[in-house]
């Protein structure tokens, strides 16, 4: 996914936020595979989602927050 406000394609917190907010299925699949390969990204995703899960309408963030929580307990 090309990030509209970033000049790199690294999975930084800003890039992850962009993928969650604007990404399509292929972008989400790539992020999921990255999490499987690098579990450290779970913490980054959790931190990105934290301010957004207070809003019940931010369903994308709720999804990703639950996803990383389920991986932690698995």
N, C-alpha and C. Protein backbone atom coordinates (compact mmCIF):
# COMPACT_ATOMS: atom_id res chain seq x y z
N UNK A 1 0.85 -1.17 0.00
CA UNK A 1 0.00 0.00 0.00
C UNK A 1 0.89 1.23 0.00
N UNK A 2 0.59 2.16 -0.85
CA UNK A 2 1.31 3.43 -0.85
C UNK A 2 0.66 4.33 0.20
N UNK A 3 1.49 4.82 1.09
CA UNK A 3 0.98 5.69 2.15
C UNK A 3 1.00 7.13 1.67
N UNK A 4 -0.09 7.81 1.81
CA UNK A 4 -0.21 9.14 1.24
C UNK A 4 0.65 10.18 1.94
N UNK A 5 1.04 9.96 3.18
CA UNK A 5 1.80 10.96 3.90
C UNK A 5 3.16 10.46 4.37
N UNK A 6 3.58 9.30 3.88
CA UNK A 6 4.87 8.74 4.25
C UNK A 6 5.71 8.52 3.01
N UNK A 7 7.00 8.65 3.16
CA UNK A 7 7.88 8.45 2.01
C UNK A 7 8.65 7.12 2.11
N UNK A 8 8.09 6.16 2.82
CA UNK A 8 8.69 4.84 2.96
C UNK A 8 7.57 3.81 3.03
N UNK A 9 7.94 2.56 3.02
CA UNK A 9 6.95 1.48 3.10
C UNK A 9 7.22 0.59 4.31
N UNK A 10 7.92 1.11 5.31
CA UNK A 10 8.19 0.35 6.54
C UNK A 10 6.94 0.29 7.40
N UNK A 11 6.86 -0.71 8.24
CA UNK A 11 5.69 -0.85 9.11
C UNK A 11 5.90 -0.09 10.42
N UNK A 12 5.95 1.22 10.31
CA UNK A 12 6.03 2.10 11.46
C UNK A 12 4.61 2.27 12.03
N UNK A 13 4.48 2.83 13.23
CA UNK A 13 3.13 3.07 13.74
C UNK A 13 2.26 3.90 12.80
N UNK A 14 2.84 4.91 12.16
CA UNK A 14 2.05 5.73 11.22
C UNK A 14 1.60 4.91 10.02
N UNK A 15 2.46 4.04 9.52
CA UNK A 15 2.09 3.20 8.38
C UNK A 15 1.01 2.20 8.77
N UNK A 16 1.14 1.61 9.96
CA UNK A 16 0.14 0.65 10.43
C UNK A 16 -1.20 1.35 10.60
N UNK A 17 -1.19 2.54 11.17
CA UNK A 17 -2.42 3.32 11.32
C UNK A 17 -3.06 3.57 9.95
N UNK A 18 -2.25 3.89 8.97
CA UNK A 18 -2.75 4.14 7.62
C UNK A 18 -3.35 2.87 7.01
N UNK A 19 -2.69 1.74 7.22
CA UNK A 19 -3.20 0.47 6.70
C UNK A 19 -4.55 0.13 7.34
N UNK A 20 -4.63 0.31 8.66
CA UNK A 20 -5.88 0.01 9.35
C UNK A 20 -6.99 0.95 8.89
N UNK A 21 -6.69 2.21 8.79
CA UNK A 21 -7.71 3.22 8.47
C UNK A 21 -8.14 3.18 7.00
N UNK A 22 -7.18 2.99 6.09
CA UNK A 22 -7.51 3.13 4.67
C UNK A 22 -7.25 1.88 3.85
N UNK A 23 -6.68 0.86 4.46
CA UNK A 23 -6.27 -0.31 3.70
C UNK A 23 -7.43 -1.14 3.18
N UNK A 24 -7.12 -1.88 2.16
CA UNK A 24 -8.08 -2.82 1.59
C UNK A 24 -7.67 -4.23 2.00
N UNK A 25 -8.41 -5.21 1.56
CA UNK A 25 -8.18 -6.58 2.00
C UNK A 25 -6.73 -7.04 1.79
N UNK A 26 -6.17 -6.77 0.63
CA UNK A 26 -4.79 -7.20 0.35
C UNK A 26 -3.80 -6.54 1.33
N UNK A 27 -4.05 -5.30 1.69
CA UNK A 27 -3.19 -4.60 2.64
C UNK A 27 -3.29 -5.24 4.02
N UNK A 28 -4.51 -5.60 4.40
CA UNK A 28 -4.72 -6.24 5.70
C UNK A 28 -4.08 -7.62 5.72
N UNK A 29 -4.16 -8.35 4.62
CA UNK A 29 -3.53 -9.67 4.56
C UNK A 29 -2.02 -9.55 4.71
N UNK A 30 -1.45 -8.54 4.08
CA UNK A 30 -0.01 -8.31 4.19
C UNK A 30 0.36 -7.95 5.63
N UNK A 31 -0.46 -7.14 6.29
CA UNK A 31 -0.19 -6.80 7.68
C UNK A 31 -0.32 -8.03 8.58
N UNK A 32 -1.31 -8.86 8.33
CA UNK A 32 -1.47 -10.08 9.12
C UNK A 32 -0.25 -10.99 8.97
N UNK A 33 0.24 -11.15 7.75
CA UNK A 33 1.43 -11.98 7.53
C UNK A 33 2.65 -11.37 8.22
N UNK A 34 2.75 -10.06 8.22
CA UNK A 34 3.86 -9.39 8.90
C UNK A 34 3.80 -9.66 10.40
N UNK A 35 2.60 -9.67 10.97
CA UNK A 35 2.43 -9.95 12.40
C UNK A 35 2.83 -11.39 12.71
N UNK A 36 2.49 -12.30 11.83
CA UNK A 36 2.86 -13.71 12.02
C UNK A 36 4.38 -13.85 12.01
N UNK A 37 5.03 -13.15 11.10
CA UNK A 37 6.49 -13.22 10.98
C UNK A 37 7.21 -12.49 12.09
N UNK A 38 6.63 -11.37 12.55
CA UNK A 38 7.28 -10.54 13.56
C UNK A 38 6.29 -10.19 14.67
N UNK A 39 6.23 -11.01 15.71
CA UNK A 39 5.26 -10.79 16.79
C UNK A 39 5.42 -9.45 17.51
N UNK A 40 6.55 -8.79 17.36
CA UNK A 40 6.74 -7.47 17.98
C UNK A 40 5.71 -6.48 17.44
N UNK A 41 5.25 -6.70 16.23
CA UNK A 41 4.26 -5.81 15.63
C UNK A 41 2.93 -5.84 16.39
N UNK A 42 2.68 -6.89 17.13
CA UNK A 42 1.45 -6.95 17.92
C UNK A 42 1.36 -5.78 18.89
N UNK A 43 2.47 -5.48 19.55
CA UNK A 43 2.50 -4.35 20.48
C UNK A 43 2.31 -3.03 19.78
N UNK A 44 2.89 -2.89 18.59
CA UNK A 44 2.74 -1.66 17.82
C UNK A 44 1.29 -1.48 17.42
N UNK A 45 0.66 -2.54 16.95
CA UNK A 45 -0.75 -2.46 16.56
C UNK A 45 -1.62 -2.14 17.76
N UNK A 46 -1.32 -2.75 18.89
CA UNK A 46 -2.09 -2.47 20.11
C UNK A 46 -2.00 -1.00 20.48
N UNK A 47 -0.80 -0.42 20.40
CA UNK A 47 -0.62 1.00 20.71
C UNK A 47 -1.33 1.90 19.71
N UNK A 48 -1.32 1.51 18.43
CA UNK A 48 -2.01 2.30 17.40
C UNK A 48 -3.52 2.25 17.64
N UNK A 49 -4.02 1.11 18.02
CA UNK A 49 -5.47 0.94 18.21
C UNK A 49 -5.99 1.56 19.49
N UNK A 50 -5.16 1.64 20.51
CA UNK A 50 -5.61 2.05 21.84
C UNK A 50 -6.45 3.34 21.85
N UNK A 51 -6.01 4.43 21.24
CA UNK A 51 -6.84 5.64 21.31
C UNK A 51 -8.13 5.54 20.49
N UNK A 52 -8.18 4.64 19.55
CA UNK A 52 -9.33 4.54 18.66
C UNK A 52 -10.41 3.58 19.16
N UNK A 53 -10.07 2.64 20.01
CA UNK A 53 -11.08 1.67 20.45
C UNK A 53 -12.06 2.26 21.46
N UNK A 54 -11.80 3.46 21.90
CA UNK A 54 -12.75 4.13 22.79
C UNK A 54 -14.00 4.56 22.02
N UNK A 55 -13.86 4.67 20.71
CA UNK A 55 -14.98 5.05 19.84
C UNK A 55 -15.60 3.78 19.25
N UNK A 56 -16.84 3.48 19.59
CA UNK A 56 -17.45 2.23 19.10
C UNK A 56 -17.61 2.18 17.58
N UNK A 57 -17.49 3.31 16.91
CA UNK A 57 -17.66 3.35 15.45
C UNK A 57 -16.35 3.11 14.70
N UNK A 58 -15.25 3.02 15.41
CA UNK A 58 -13.95 2.76 14.77
C UNK A 58 -13.74 1.25 14.69
N UNK A 59 -14.58 0.60 13.92
CA UNK A 59 -14.61 -0.86 13.91
C UNK A 59 -13.34 -1.49 13.38
N UNK A 60 -12.67 -0.83 12.47
CA UNK A 60 -11.42 -1.39 11.96
C UNK A 60 -10.38 -1.54 13.08
N UNK A 61 -10.32 -0.53 13.94
CA UNK A 61 -9.38 -0.58 15.06
C UNK A 61 -9.79 -1.63 16.09
N UNK A 62 -11.09 -1.78 16.29
CA UNK A 62 -11.57 -2.83 17.19
C UNK A 62 -11.17 -4.20 16.65
N UNK A 63 -11.34 -4.39 15.35
CA UNK A 63 -10.96 -5.67 14.73
C UNK A 63 -9.49 -5.98 14.98
N UNK A 64 -8.60 -5.03 14.66
CA UNK A 64 -7.18 -5.29 14.80
C UNK A 64 -6.76 -5.44 16.25
N UNK A 65 -7.37 -4.68 17.13
CA UNK A 65 -7.07 -4.82 18.55
C UNK A 65 -7.44 -6.22 19.03
N UNK A 66 -8.60 -6.70 18.64
CA UNK A 66 -9.01 -8.05 19.03
C UNK A 66 -8.13 -9.12 18.38
N UNK A 67 -7.72 -8.87 17.14
CA UNK A 67 -6.87 -9.82 16.46
C UNK A 67 -5.55 -10.01 17.22
N UNK A 68 -4.88 -8.92 17.57
CA UNK A 68 -3.60 -9.07 18.27
C UNK A 68 -3.80 -9.62 19.68
N UNK A 69 -4.91 -9.31 20.31
CA UNK A 69 -5.21 -9.89 21.62
C UNK A 69 -5.40 -11.41 21.50
N UNK A 70 -6.07 -11.85 20.46
CA UNK A 70 -6.29 -13.29 20.27
C UNK A 70 -4.97 -14.01 19.97
N UNK A 71 -4.05 -13.37 19.30
CA UNK A 71 -2.75 -13.97 19.03
C UNK A 71 -1.91 -14.07 20.29
N UNK A 72 -2.10 -13.13 21.19
CA UNK A 72 -1.33 -13.13 22.44
C UNK A 72 -1.77 -14.28 23.33
N UNK A 73 -3.05 -14.59 23.32
CA UNK A 73 -3.55 -15.65 24.20
C UNK A 73 -3.48 -17.02 23.55
N UNK A 74 -3.21 -17.06 22.26
CA UNK A 74 -3.17 -18.35 21.55
C UNK A 74 -1.88 -19.09 21.81
